[in-house]
Amino acid sequence: LTQAEERLLCRHWELKTLAAGAMAGLPRSMTATAIVYQKRFWLSASPIEMSPADVLAAALFLAVKVEGDPYLEVPELHRRLGDTLGKAPEQMAAREADLMLALRFHLTVYHCFDAARGLVRRAAAGRAAQGSAAARAG
């Protein structure tokens, strides 16, 4: 494959990750983390060396554990995804160690909109406080 074809293939699997995350009802932050893990993984590997479907499944599973729900078991995630990945529950976690090694165990992901989300929450809390103060004064 040429570099352009590899990029196109990786982009295709990123879009499949978005669809799988939405189908499983995962928060956007978990799905975004899975995509970041995939991008980091493909920096040191080629889609020819390892199945992108295996990487997708492992990235989703790892992102769920890291980002929020460490108790979501593989069978439950598999049930939520249905058979969209074409993987058995055992296969979903099989590549997790390979993924973590390729990531060099750097699992922290800083999402670019976290700060903006906090700013919006703070502004909403400020408006709510002003509204309740006005109601008490009035």
Protein backbone atom coordinates (compact mmCIF):
# COMPACT_ATOMS: atom_id res chain seq x y z
CA LEU A 1 0.00 0.00 0.00
CA THR A 2 1.09 3.55 -0.60
CA GLN A 3 1.08 6.08 2.23
CA ALA A 4 -2.05 7.71 0.82
CA GLU A 5 -3.84 4.35 0.73
CA GLU A 6 -2.78 3.58 4.31
CA ARG A 7 -4.08 6.97 5.47
CA LEU A 8 -7.35 6.36 3.66
CA LEU A 9 -7.69 2.91 5.24
CA CYS A 10 -6.96 4.29 8.72
CA ARG A 11 -9.49 7.12 8.18
CA HIS A 12 -12.10 4.54 7.15
CA TRP A 13 -11.56 2.65 10.43
CA GLU A 14 -11.72 5.88 12.43
CA LEU A 15 -15.17 6.49 10.95
CA LYS A 16 -16.14 2.91 11.81
CA THR A 17 -15.01 3.62 15.38
CA LEU A 18 -17.34 6.63 15.52
CA ALA A 19 -20.22 4.48 14.32
CA ALA A 20 -19.39 1.65 16.75
CA GLY A 21 -19.14 4.06 19.69
CA ALA A 22 -22.52 5.58 18.82
CA MET A 23 -24.07 2.12 18.42
CA ALA A 24 -22.73 1.05 21.82
CA GLY A 25 -24.07 4.22 23.43
CA LEU A 26 -20.61 5.31 24.57
CA PRO A 27 -19.91 8.94 25.45
CA ARG A 28 -18.11 10.93 22.78
CA SER A 29 -15.03 11.25 24.99
CA MET A 30 -14.61 7.46 25.08
CA THR A 31 -15.01 7.17 21.33
CA ALA A 32 -12.58 10.05 20.78
CA THR A 33 -10.06 8.36 23.07
CA ALA A 34 -10.37 5.14 21.06
CA ILE A 35 -9.67 7.08 17.87
CA VAL A 36 -6.62 8.76 19.43
CA TYR A 37 -5.35 5.33 20.50
CA GLN A 38 -5.77 4.07 16.95
CA LYS A 39 -3.94 7.07 15.50
CA ARG A 40 -1.07 6.58 17.95
CA PHE A 41 -0.99 2.86 17.17
CA TRP A 42 -0.76 3.41 13.41
CA LEU A 43 2.28 5.66 13.91
CA SER A 44 4.33 2.55 14.67
CA ALA A 45 2.42 -0.13 12.76
CA SER A 46 0.89 -0.67 9.36
CA PRO A 47 -2.67 -1.77 8.60
CA ILE A 48 -1.07 -4.62 6.66
CA GLU A 49 0.68 -5.95 9.78
CA MET A 50 -2.40 -6.10 11.97
CA SER A 51 -6.10 -6.18 11.27
CA PRO A 52 -7.66 -2.72 11.69
CA ALA A 53 -10.81 -4.42 13.02
CA ASP A 54 -8.77 -5.97 15.85
CA VAL A 55 -7.21 -2.60 16.64
CA LEU A 56 -10.65 -0.95 16.63
CA ALA A 57 -12.05 -3.50 19.07
CA ALA A 58 -9.05 -3.26 21.39
CA ALA A 59 -9.02 0.55 21.25
CA LEU A 60 -12.71 0.77 22.13
CA PHE A 61 -12.35 -1.67 24.99
CA LEU A 62 -9.26 0.09 26.36
CA ALA A 63 -10.86 3.53 26.01
CA VAL A 64 -13.91 2.37 27.95
CA LYS A 65 -11.69 1.14 30.78
CA VAL A 66 -9.47 4.23 30.84
CA GLU A 67 -12.09 6.94 30.32
CA GLY A 68 -14.80 5.96 32.66
CA ASP A 69 -16.30 2.56 33.13
CA PRO A 70 -13.65 0.08 34.28
CA TYR A 71 -16.37 -2.43 35.14
CA LEU A 72 -17.87 -2.69 31.66
CA GLU A 73 -17.00 -6.26 30.77
CA VAL A 74 -16.09 -7.42 27.28
CA PRO A 75 -19.30 -9.48 26.88
CA GLU A 76 -21.40 -6.41 27.76
CA LEU A 77 -19.53 -4.20 25.29
CA HIS A 78 -19.87 -6.95 22.68
CA ARG A 79 -23.62 -7.14 23.38
CA ARG A 80 -23.95 -3.37 22.95
CA LEU A 81 -22.07 -3.45 19.66
CA GLY A 82 -24.03 -6.40 18.35
CA ASP A 83 -22.04 -8.21 15.72
CA THR A 84 -20.90 -5.09 13.88
CA LEU A 85 -17.21 -5.85 14.36
CA GLY A 86 -17.52 -9.52 13.49
CA LYS A 87 -15.44 -10.42 16.54
CA ALA A 88 -16.10 -12.83 19.37
CA PRO A 89 -15.94 -11.32 22.87
CA GLU A 90 -12.56 -12.97 23.51
CA GLN A 91 -11.13 -11.48 20.32
CA MET A 92 -12.10 -7.96 21.38
CA ALA A 93 -9.63 -7.94 24.26
CA ALA A 94 -6.99 -10.14 22.60
CA ARG A 95 -5.08 -7.25 21.05
CA GLU A 96 -5.26 -5.00 24.12
CA ALA A 97 -1.68 -5.83 25.20
CA ASP A 98 -0.34 -5.18 21.69
CA LEU A 99 -2.14 -1.85 21.62
CA MET A 100 -0.80 -0.84 25.03
CA LEU A 101 2.75 -1.78 24.01
CA ALA A 102 2.49 0.28 20.83
CA LEU A 103 1.16 3.20 22.90
CA ARG A 104 4.11 2.67 25.27
CA PHE A 105 1.54 2.62 28.08
CA HIS A 106 0.82 6.35 27.56
CA LEU A 107 -2.92 6.09 28.04
CA THR A 108 -3.70 9.68 29.02
CA VAL A 109 -5.49 11.64 26.32
CA TYR A 110 -6.15 15.37 26.61
CA HIS A 111 -9.16 16.29 24.52
CA CYS A 112 -9.08 19.75 23.03
CA PHE A 113 -12.62 20.69 24.06
CA ASP A 114 -12.39 19.73 27.74
CA ALA A 115 -11.46 23.29 28.71
CA ALA A 116 -14.29 24.77 26.65
CA ARG A 117 -16.76 22.33 28.21
CA GLY A 118 -15.64 23.44 31.68
CA LEU A 119 -16.01 27.10 30.71
CA VAL A 120 -19.57 26.50 29.50
CA ARG A 121 -20.44 24.68 32.75
CA ARG A 122 -18.97 27.51 34.81
CA ALA A 123 -20.94 30.12 32.85
CA ALA A 124 -24.15 28.11 33.27
CA ALA A 125 -23.53 27.78 37.01
CA GLY A 126 -22.93 31.54 37.22
CA ARG A 127 -26.21 32.29 35.43
CA ALA A 128 -28.07 29.88 37.70
CA ALA A 129 -26.58 31.55 40.78
CA GLN A 130 -27.55 35.01 39.47
CA GLY A 131 -31.07 33.80 38.73
CA SER A 132 -31.56 32.38 42.22
CA ALA A 133 -30.10 35.54 43.81
CA ALA A 134 -32.49 37.70 41.77
CA ALA A 135 -35.42 35.49 42.79
CA ARG A 136 -34.49 35.84 46.47
CA ALA A 137 -34.08 39.61 46.17
CA GLY A 138 -37.30 40.08 44.22
